[in-house]
Amino acid sequence: TGQASTGDLSSRRDRLIEQLLQQAEQRYD
């Protein structure tokens, strides 16, 4: 994503999971 985020571990983990999935999903519609 280009930068480290803030917050507790679990919320940062969930946020990164969602970003990773969206990045891949967008490429394959």
Full PDB file with SEQRES, HELIX, SHEET, SSBOND, CRYST1, ORIGX, SCALE, CONECT and MASTER records, all heavy atoms in Angstrom:
SEQRES   1 A   29  THR GLY GLN ALA SER THR GLY ASP LEU SER SER ARG ARG          
SEQRES   2 A   29  ASP ARG LEU ILE GLU GLN LEU LEU GLN GLN ALA GLU GLN          
SEQRES   3 A   29  ARG TYR ASP                                                  
HELIX    1 AA1 LEU A    9  ARG A   27  1                                  19    
CRYST1    1.000    1.000    1.000  90.00  90.00  90.00 P 1           1          
ORIGX1      1.000000  0.000000  0.000000        0.00000                         
ORIGX2      0.000000  1.000000  0.000000        0.00000                         
ORIGX3      0.000000  0.000000  1.000000        0.00000                         
SCALE1      1.000000  0.000000  0.000000        0.00000                         
SCALE2      0.000000  1.000000  0.000000        0.00000                         
SCALE3      0.000000  0.000000  1.000000        0.00000                         
ATOM      1  N   THR A   1       0.812  -1.221   0.000  1.00  0.00           N  
ATOM      2  CA  THR A   1       0.000   0.000   0.000  1.00  0.00           C  
ATOM      3  C   THR A   1       0.843   1.267   0.000  1.00  0.00           C  
ATOM      4  O   THR A   1       0.302   2.361  -0.173  1.00  0.00           O  
ATOM      5  CB  THR A   1      -0.940   0.037   1.222  1.00  0.00           C  
ATOM      6  OG1 THR A   1      -0.175   0.231   2.416  1.00  0.00           O  
ATOM      7  CG2 THR A   1      -1.743  -1.252   1.335  1.00  0.00           C  
ATOM      8  N   GLY A   2       2.153   1.132   0.222  1.00  0.00           N  
ATOM      9  CA  GLY A   2       3.019   2.305   0.174  1.00  0.00           C  
ATOM     10  C   GLY A   2       3.359   2.916   1.510  1.00  0.00           C  
ATOM     11  O   GLY A   2       4.303   3.702   1.617  1.00  0.00           O  
ATOM     12  N   GLN A   3       2.606   2.564   2.568  1.00  0.00           N  
ATOM     13  CA  GLN A   3       2.909   3.140   3.880  1.00  0.00           C  
ATOM     14  C   GLN A   3       2.347   2.262   4.992  1.00  0.00           C  
ATOM     15  O   GLN A   3       1.384   1.514   4.782  1.00  0.00           O  
ATOM     16  CB  GLN A   3       2.320   4.541   4.004  1.00  0.00           C  
ATOM     17  CG  GLN A   3       0.816   4.594   3.872  1.00  0.00           C  
ATOM     18  CD  GLN A   3       0.281   6.010   3.966  1.00  0.00           C  
ATOM     19  OE1 GLN A   3       1.023   6.971   4.037  1.00  0.00           O  
ATOM     20  NE2 GLN A   3      -1.044   6.142   3.978  1.00  0.00           N  
ATOM     21  N   ALA A   4       2.973   2.365   6.154  1.00  0.00           N  
ATOM     22  CA  ALA A   4       2.477   1.661   7.327  1.00  0.00           C  
ATOM     23  C   ALA A   4       1.318   2.441   7.928  1.00  0.00           C  
ATOM     24  O   ALA A   4       1.339   3.678   7.941  1.00  0.00           O  
ATOM     25  CB  ALA A   4       3.588   1.477   8.346  1.00  0.00           C  
ATOM     26  N   SER A   5       0.326   1.729   8.419  1.00  0.00           N  
ATOM     27  CA  SER A   5      -0.838   2.402   8.990  1.00  0.00           C  
ATOM     28  C   SER A   5      -0.735   2.430  10.512  1.00  0.00           C  
ATOM     29  O   SER A   5       0.233   1.944  11.098  1.00  0.00           O  
ATOM     30  CB  SER A   5      -2.114   1.675   8.566  1.00  0.00           C  
ATOM     31  OG  SER A   5      -2.159   0.373   9.115  1.00  0.00           O  
ATOM     32  N   THR A   6      -1.720   3.019  11.137  1.00  0.00           N  
ATOM     33  CA  THR A   6      -1.754   3.109  12.601  1.00  0.00           C  
ATOM     34  C   THR A   6      -2.947   2.315  13.122  1.00  0.00           C  
ATOM     35  O   THR A   6      -3.843   1.938  12.381  1.00  0.00           O  
ATOM     36  CB  THR A   6      -1.872   4.566  13.060  1.00  0.00           C  
ATOM     37  OG1 THR A   6      -3.060   5.141  12.488  1.00  0.00           O  
ATOM     38  CG2 THR A   6      -0.663   5.365  12.612  1.00  0.00           C  
ATOM     39  N   GLY A   7      -2.958   2.098  14.422  1.00  0.00           N  
ATOM     40  CA  GLY A   7      -4.058   1.363  15.038  1.00  0.00           C  
ATOM     41  C   GLY A   7      -3.563   0.071  15.644  1.00  0.00           C  
ATOM     42  O   GLY A   7      -2.371  -0.251  15.600  1.00  0.00           O  
ATOM     43  N   ASP A   8      -4.495  -0.685  16.224  1.00  0.00           N  
ATOM     44  CA  ASP A   8      -4.116  -1.957  16.828  1.00  0.00           C  
ATOM     45  C   ASP A   8      -3.877  -2.995  15.742  1.00  0.00           C  
ATOM     46  O   ASP A   8      -4.279  -2.843  14.584  1.00  0.00           O  
ATOM     47  CB  ASP A   8      -5.193  -2.437  17.810  1.00  0.00           C  
ATOM     48  CG  ASP A   8      -6.523  -2.667  17.122  1.00  0.00           C  
ATOM     49  OD1 ASP A   8      -6.736  -3.774  16.608  1.00  0.00           O  
ATOM     50  OD2 ASP A   8      -7.333  -1.711  17.087  1.00  0.00           O  
ATOM     51  N   LEU A   9      -3.222  -4.078  16.137  1.00  0.00           N  
ATOM     52  CA  LEU A   9      -2.815  -5.108  15.177  1.00  0.00           C  
ATOM     53  C   LEU A   9      -3.988  -5.700  14.413  1.00  0.00           C  
ATOM     54  O   LEU A   9      -3.930  -5.878  13.194  1.00  0.00           O  
ATOM     55  CB  LEU A   9      -2.059  -6.223  15.914  1.00  0.00           C  
ATOM     56  CG  LEU A   9      -0.540  -6.143  15.933  1.00  0.00           C  
ATOM     57  CD1 LEU A   9       0.035  -7.272  16.769  1.00  0.00           C  
ATOM     58  CD2 LEU A   9       0.031  -6.203  14.531  1.00  0.00           C  
ATOM     59  N   SER A  10      -5.061  -6.021  15.124  1.00  0.00           N  
ATOM     60  CA  SER A  10      -6.178  -6.716  14.469  1.00  0.00           C  
ATOM     61  C   SER A  10      -6.858  -5.839  13.425  1.00  0.00           C  
ATOM     62  O   SER A  10      -7.196  -6.308  12.330  1.00  0.00           O  
ATOM     63  CB  SER A  10      -7.200  -7.197  15.510  1.00  0.00           C  
ATOM     64  OG  SER A  10      -7.736  -6.102  16.228  1.00  0.00           O  
ATOM     65  N   SER A  11      -7.058  -4.562  13.739  1.00  0.00           N  
ATOM     66  CA  SER A  11      -7.711  -3.686  12.767  1.00  0.00           C  
ATOM     67  C   SER A  11      -6.795  -3.422  11.564  1.00  0.00           C  
ATOM     68  O   SER A  11      -7.262  -3.354  10.424  1.00  0.00           O  
ATOM     69  CB  SER A  11      -8.113  -2.361  13.424  1.00  0.00           C  
ATOM     70  OG  SER A  11      -6.983  -1.659  13.897  1.00  0.00           O  
ATOM     71  N   ARG A  12      -5.496  -3.286  11.809  1.00  0.00           N  
ATOM     72  CA  ARG A  12      -4.551  -3.098  10.699  1.00  0.00           C  
ATOM     73  C   ARG A  12      -4.506  -4.352   9.833  1.00  0.00           C  
ATOM     74  O   ARG A  12      -4.458  -4.265   8.605  1.00  0.00           O  
ATOM     75  CB  ARG A  12      -3.162  -2.787  11.251  1.00  0.00           C  
ATOM     76  CG  ARG A  12      -3.033  -1.395  11.865  1.00  0.00           C  
ATOM     77  CD  ARG A  12      -1.703  -1.240  12.565  1.00  0.00           C  
ATOM     78  NE  ARG A  12      -0.579  -1.442  11.647  1.00  0.00           N  
ATOM     79  CZ  ARG A  12       0.681  -1.621  12.054  1.00  0.00           C  
ATOM     80  NH1 ARG A  12       0.969  -1.617  13.358  1.00  0.00           N  
ATOM     81  NH2 ARG A  12       1.640  -1.788  11.177  1.00  0.00           N  
ATOM     82  N   ARG A  13      -4.508  -5.514  10.474  1.00  0.00           N  
ATOM     83  CA  ARG A  13      -4.519  -6.778   9.715  1.00  0.00           C  
ATOM     84  C   ARG A  13      -5.748  -6.858   8.826  1.00  0.00           C  
ATOM     85  O   ARG A  13      -5.650  -7.157   7.631  1.00  0.00           O  
ATOM     86  CB  ARG A  13      -4.499  -7.956  10.693  1.00  0.00           C  
ATOM     87  CG  ARG A  13      -4.653  -9.333  10.051  1.00  0.00           C  
ATOM     88  CD  ARG A  13      -5.213 -10.321  11.051  1.00  0.00           C  
ATOM     89  NE  ARG A  13      -6.529  -9.901  11.513  1.00  0.00           N  
ATOM     90  CZ  ARG A  13      -7.057 -10.282  12.683  1.00  0.00           C  
ATOM     91  NH1 ARG A  13      -6.382 -11.054  13.501  1.00  0.00           N  
ATOM     92  NH2 ARG A  13      -8.265  -9.860  13.024  1.00  0.00           N  
ATOM     93  N   ASP A  14      -6.932  -6.594   9.396  1.00  0.00           N  
ATOM     94  CA  ASP A  14      -8.177  -6.689   8.628  1.00  0.00           C  
ATOM     95  C   ASP A  14      -8.200  -5.683   7.483  1.00  0.00           C  
ATOM     96  O   ASP A  14      -8.699  -5.979   6.390  1.00  0.00           O  
ATOM     97  CB  ASP A  14      -9.375  -6.470   9.547  1.00  0.00           C  
ATOM     98  CG  ASP A  14      -9.532  -7.592  10.575  1.00  0.00           C  
ATOM     99  OD1 ASP A  14      -8.928  -8.659  10.378  1.00  0.00           O  
ATOM    100  OD2 ASP A  14     -10.252  -7.379  11.572  1.00  0.00           O  
ATOM    101  N   ARG A  15      -7.657  -4.495   7.736  1.00  0.00           N  
ATOM    102  CA  ARG A  15      -7.635  -3.455   6.705  1.00  0.00           C  
ATOM    103  C   ARG A  15      -6.713  -3.872   5.551  1.00  0.00           C  
ATOM    104  O   ARG A  15      -7.060  -3.693   4.382  1.00  0.00           O  
ATOM    105  CB  ARG A  15      -7.176  -2.136   7.324  1.00  0.00           C  
ATOM    106  CG  ARG A  15      -7.369  -0.926   6.427  1.00  0.00           C  
ATOM    107  CD  ARG A  15      -7.406   0.360   7.234  1.00  0.00           C  
ATOM    108  NE  ARG A  15      -6.244   0.529   8.096  1.00  0.00           N  
ATOM    109  CZ  ARG A  15      -6.299   0.590   9.430  1.00  0.00           C  
ATOM    110  NH1 ARG A  15      -7.452   0.496  10.056  1.00  0.00           N  
ATOM    111  NH2 ARG A  15      -5.197   0.772  10.149  1.00  0.00           N  
ATOM    112  N   LEU A  16      -5.571  -4.439   5.874  1.00  0.00           N  
ATOM    113  CA  LEU A  16      -4.652  -4.875   4.825  1.00  0.00           C  
ATOM    114  C   LEU A  16      -5.236  -6.046   4.038  1.00  0.00           C  
ATOM    115  O   LEU A  16      -5.098  -6.105   2.814  1.00  0.00           O  
ATOM    116  CB  LEU A  16      -3.296  -5.266   5.430  1.00  0.00           C  
ATOM    117  CG  LEU A  16      -2.238  -5.742   4.433  1.00  0.00           C  
ATOM    118  CD1 LEU A  16      -1.993  -4.686   3.350  1.00  0.00           C  
ATOM    119  CD2 LEU A  16      -0.939  -6.089   5.145  1.00  0.00           C  
ATOM    120  N   ILE A  17      -5.899  -6.972   4.723  1.00  0.00           N  
ATOM    121  CA  ILE A  17      -6.548  -8.092   4.030  1.00  0.00           C  
ATOM    122  C   ILE A  17      -7.534  -7.566   2.992  1.00  0.00           C  
ATOM    123  O   ILE A  17      -7.551  -8.006   1.834  1.00  0.00           O  
ATOM    124  CB  ILE A  17      -7.270  -9.016   5.037  1.00  0.00           C  
ATOM    125  CG1 ILE A  17      -6.253  -9.834   5.851  1.00  0.00           C  
ATOM    126  CG2 ILE A  17      -8.237  -9.965   4.316  1.00  0.00           C  
ATOM    127  CD1 ILE A  17      -6.870 -10.646   6.972  1.00  0.00           C  
ATOM    128  N   GLU A  18      -8.350  -6.601   3.395  1.00  0.00           N  
ATOM    129  CA  GLU A  18      -9.353  -6.046   2.475  1.00  0.00           C  
ATOM    130  C   GLU A  18      -8.683  -5.331   1.300  1.00  0.00           C  
ATOM    131  O   GLU A  18      -9.125  -5.472   0.146  1.00  0.00           O  
ATOM    132  CB  GLU A  18     -10.260  -5.079   3.239  1.00  0.00           C  
ATOM    133  CG  GLU A  18     -11.410  -4.511   2.412  1.00  0.00           C  
ATOM    134  CD  GLU A  18     -12.354  -5.585   1.898  1.00  0.00           C  
ATOM    135  OE1 GLU A  18     -12.497  -6.640   2.568  1.00  0.00           O  
ATOM    136  OE2 GLU A  18     -12.939  -5.386   0.810  1.00  0.00           O  
ATOM    137  N   GLN A  19      -7.620  -4.595   1.565  1.00  0.00           N  
ATOM    138  CA  GLN A  19      -6.920  -3.906   0.482  1.00  0.00           C  
ATOM    139  C   GLN A  19      -6.296  -4.896  -0.502  1.00  0.00           C  
ATOM    140  O   GLN A  19      -6.364  -4.707  -1.722  1.00  0.00           O  
ATOM    141  CB  GLN A  19      -5.850  -2.978   1.065  1.00  0.00           C  
ATOM    142  CG  GLN A  19      -6.417  -1.765   1.789  1.00  0.00           C  
ATOM    143  CD  GLN A  19      -5.341  -0.961   2.505  1.00  0.00           C  
ATOM    144  OE1 GLN A  19      -4.440  -1.517   3.127  1.00  0.00           O  
ATOM    145  NE2 GLN A  19      -5.423   0.355   2.413  1.00  0.00           N  
ATOM    146  N   LEU A  20      -5.699  -5.956   0.018  1.00  0.00           N  
ATOM    147  CA  LEU A  20      -5.091  -6.973  -0.844  1.00  0.00           C  
ATOM    148  C   LEU A  20      -6.133  -7.634  -1.737  1.00  0.00           C  
ATOM    149  O   LEU A  20      -5.918  -7.822  -2.941  1.00  0.00           O  
ATOM    150  CB  LEU A  20      -4.397  -8.036   0.015  1.00  0.00           C  
ATOM    151  CG  LEU A  20      -3.132  -7.601   0.760  1.00  0.00           C  
ATOM    152  CD1 LEU A  20      -2.773  -8.622   1.823  1.00  0.00           C  
ATOM    153  CD2 LEU A  20      -1.971  -7.413  -0.214  1.00  0.00           C  
ATOM    154  N   LEU A  21      -7.259  -7.987  -1.145  1.00  0.00           N  
ATOM    155  CA  LEU A  21      -8.313  -8.647  -1.906  1.00  0.00           C  
ATOM    156  C   LEU A  21      -8.878  -7.727  -2.974  1.00  0.00           C  
ATOM    157  O   LEU A  21      -9.101  -8.138  -4.122  1.00  0.00           O  
ATOM    158  CB  LEU A  21      -9.418  -9.129  -0.971  1.00  0.00           C  
ATOM    159  CG  LEU A  21      -9.029 -10.238   0.021  1.00  0.00           C  
ATOM    160  CD1 LEU A  21     -10.185 -10.531   0.967  1.00  0.00           C  
ATOM    161  CD2 LEU A  21      -8.622 -11.509  -0.717  1.00  0.00           C  
ATOM    162  N   GLN A  22      -9.117  -6.468  -2.615  1.00  0.00           N  
ATOM    163  CA  GLN A  22      -9.674  -5.524  -3.582  1.00  0.00           C  
ATOM    164  C   GLN A  22      -8.705  -5.269  -4.737  1.00  0.00           C  
ATOM    165  O   GLN A  22      -9.126  -5.162  -5.899  1.00  0.00           O  
ATOM    166  CB  GLN A  22     -10.030  -4.216  -2.889  1.00  0.00           C  
ATOM    167  CG  GLN A  22     -11.272  -4.294  -2.008  1.00  0.00           C  
ATOM    168  CD  GLN A  22     -11.638  -2.955  -1.406  1.00  0.00           C  
ATOM    169  OE1 GLN A  22     -10.997  -1.939  -1.679  1.00  0.00           O  
ATOM    170  NE2 GLN A  22     -12.678  -2.938  -0.579  1.00  0.00           N  
ATOM    171  N   GLN A  23      -7.418  -5.183  -4.439  1.00  0.00           N  
ATOM    172  CA  GLN A  23      -6.426  -4.966  -5.492  1.00  0.00           C  
ATOM    173  C   GLN A  23      -6.468  -6.092  -6.521  1.00  0.00           C  
ATOM    174  O   GLN A  23      -6.433  -5.858  -7.730  1.00  0.00           O  
ATOM    175  CB  GLN A  23      -5.019  -4.869  -4.887  1.00  0.00           C  
ATOM    176  CG  GLN A  23      -4.738  -3.577  -4.147  1.00  0.00           C  
ATOM    177  CD  GLN A  23      -3.401  -3.616  -3.423  1.00  0.00           C  
ATOM    178  OE1 GLN A  23      -2.673  -4.604  -3.480  1.00  0.00           O  
ATOM    179  NE2 GLN A  23      -3.075  -2.522  -2.732  1.00  0.00           N  
ATOM    180  N   ALA A  24      -6.541  -7.329  -6.038  1.00  0.00           N  
ATOM    181  CA  ALA A  24      -6.573  -8.481  -6.949  1.00  0.00           C  
ATOM    182  C   ALA A  24      -7.918  -8.595  -7.654  1.00  0.00           C  
ATOM    183  O   ALA A  24      -7.981  -8.888  -8.855  1.00  0.00           O  
ATOM    184  CB  ALA A  24      -6.264  -9.756  -6.171  1.00  0.00           C  
ATOM    185  N   GLU A  25      -9.006  -8.360  -6.917  1.00  0.00           N  
ATOM    186  CA  GLU A  25     -10.342  -8.492  -7.515  1.00  0.00           C  
ATOM    187  C   GLU A  25     -10.554  -7.491  -8.648  1.00  0.00           C  
ATOM    188  O   GLU A  25     -11.179  -7.820  -9.668  1.00  0.00           O  
ATOM    189  CB  GLU A  25     -11.409  -8.317  -6.433  1.00  0.00           C  
ATOM    190  CG  GLU A  25     -11.513  -9.507  -5.496  1.00  0.00           C  
ATOM    191  CD  GLU A  25     -12.323  -9.209  -4.242  1.00  0.00           C  
ATOM    192  OE1 GLU A  25     -12.537  -8.014  -3.928  1.00  0.00           O  
ATOM    193  OE2 GLU A  25     -12.736 -10.169  -3.575  1.00  0.00           O  
ATOM    194  N   GLN A  26     -10.050  -6.288  -8.488  1.00  0.00           N  
ATOM    195  CA  GLN A  26     -10.233  -5.263  -9.521  1.00  0.00           C  
ATOM    196  C   GLN A  26      -9.577  -5.660 -10.836  1.00  0.00           C  
ATOM    197  O   GLN A  26     -10.096  -5.364 -11.914  1.00  0.00           O  
ATOM    198  CB  GLN A  26      -9.674  -3.930  -9.024  1.00  0.00           C  
ATOM    199  CG  GLN A  26     -10.522  -3.269  -7.955  1.00  0.00           C  
ATOM    200  CD  GLN A  26      -9.850  -2.071  -7.321  1.00  0.00           C  
ATOM    201  OE1 GLN A  26      -8.742  -1.678  -7.709  1.00  0.00           O  
ATOM    202  NE2 GLN A  26     -10.502  -1.483  -6.319  1.00  0.00           N  
ATOM    203  N   ARG A  27      -8.466  -6.344 -10.772  1.00  0.00           N  
ATOM    204  CA  ARG A  27      -7.763  -6.751 -12.000  1.00  0.00           C  
ATOM    205  C   ARG A  27      -8.555  -7.784 -12.797  1.00  0.00           C  
ATOM    206  O   ARG A  27      -8.395  -7.905 -14.019  1.00  0.00           O  
ATOM    207  CB  ARG A  27      -6.383  -7.325 -11.653  1.00  0.00           C  
ATOM    208  CG  ARG A  27      -5.317  -6.257 -11.486  1.00  0.00           C  
ATOM    209  CD  ARG A  27      -3.945  -6.849 -11.258  1.00  0.00           C  
ATOM    210  NE  ARG A  27      -3.645  -8.011 -12.066  1.00  0.00           N  
ATOM    211  CZ  ARG A  27      -3.251  -7.969 -13.341  1.00  0.00           C  
ATOM    212  NH1 ARG A  27      -3.142  -6.813 -13.966  1.00  0.00           N  
ATOM    213  NH2 ARG A  27      -2.963  -9.072 -13.991  1.00  0.00           N  
ATOM    214  N   TYR A  28      -9.400  -8.555 -12.123  1.00  0.00           N  
ATOM    215  CA  TYR A  28     -10.139  -9.627 -12.807  1.00  0.00           C  
ATOM    216  C   TYR A  28     -11.647  -9.374 -12.817  1.00  0.00           C  
ATOM    217  O   TYR A  28     -12.429 -10.284 -13.073  1.00  0.00           O  
ATOM    218  CB  TYR A  28      -9.822 -10.975 -12.130  1.00  0.00           C  
ATOM    219  CG  TYR A  28      -8.347 -11.290 -12.189  1.00  0.00           C  
ATOM    220  CD1 TYR A  28      -7.508 -10.979 -11.106  1.00  0.00           C  
ATOM    221  CD2 TYR A  28      -7.773 -11.844 -13.322  1.00  0.00           C  
ATOM    222  CE1 TYR A  28      -6.149 -11.226 -11.163  1.00  0.00           C  
ATOM    223  CE2 TYR A  28      -6.408 -12.107 -13.384  1.00  0.00           C  
ATOM    224  CZ  TYR A  28      -5.607 -11.788 -12.305  1.00  0.00           C  
ATOM    225  OH  TYR A  28      -4.258 -12.029 -12.362  1.00  0.00           O  
ATOM    226  N   ASP A  29     -12.020  -8.134 -12.523  1.00  0.00           N  
ATOM    227  CA  ASP A  29     -13.437  -7.739 -12.530  1.00  0.00           C  
ATOM    228  C   ASP A  29     -14.281  -8.648 -11.638  1.00  0.00           C  
ATOM    229  O   ASP A  29     -15.408  -9.024 -11.991  1.00  0.00           O  
ATOM    230  CB  ASP A  29     -13.996  -7.762 -13.966  1.00  0.00           C  
ATOM    231  CG  ASP A  29     -13.330  -6.726 -14.854  1.00  0.00           C  
ATOM    232  OD1 ASP A  29     -13.002  -5.636 -14.352  1.00  0.00           O  
ATOM    233  OD2 ASP A  29     -13.113  -7.024 -16.047  1.00  0.00           O  
TER     234      ASP A  29                                                      
MASTER        0    0    0    1    0    0    0    6  233    1    0    3          
END                                                                             
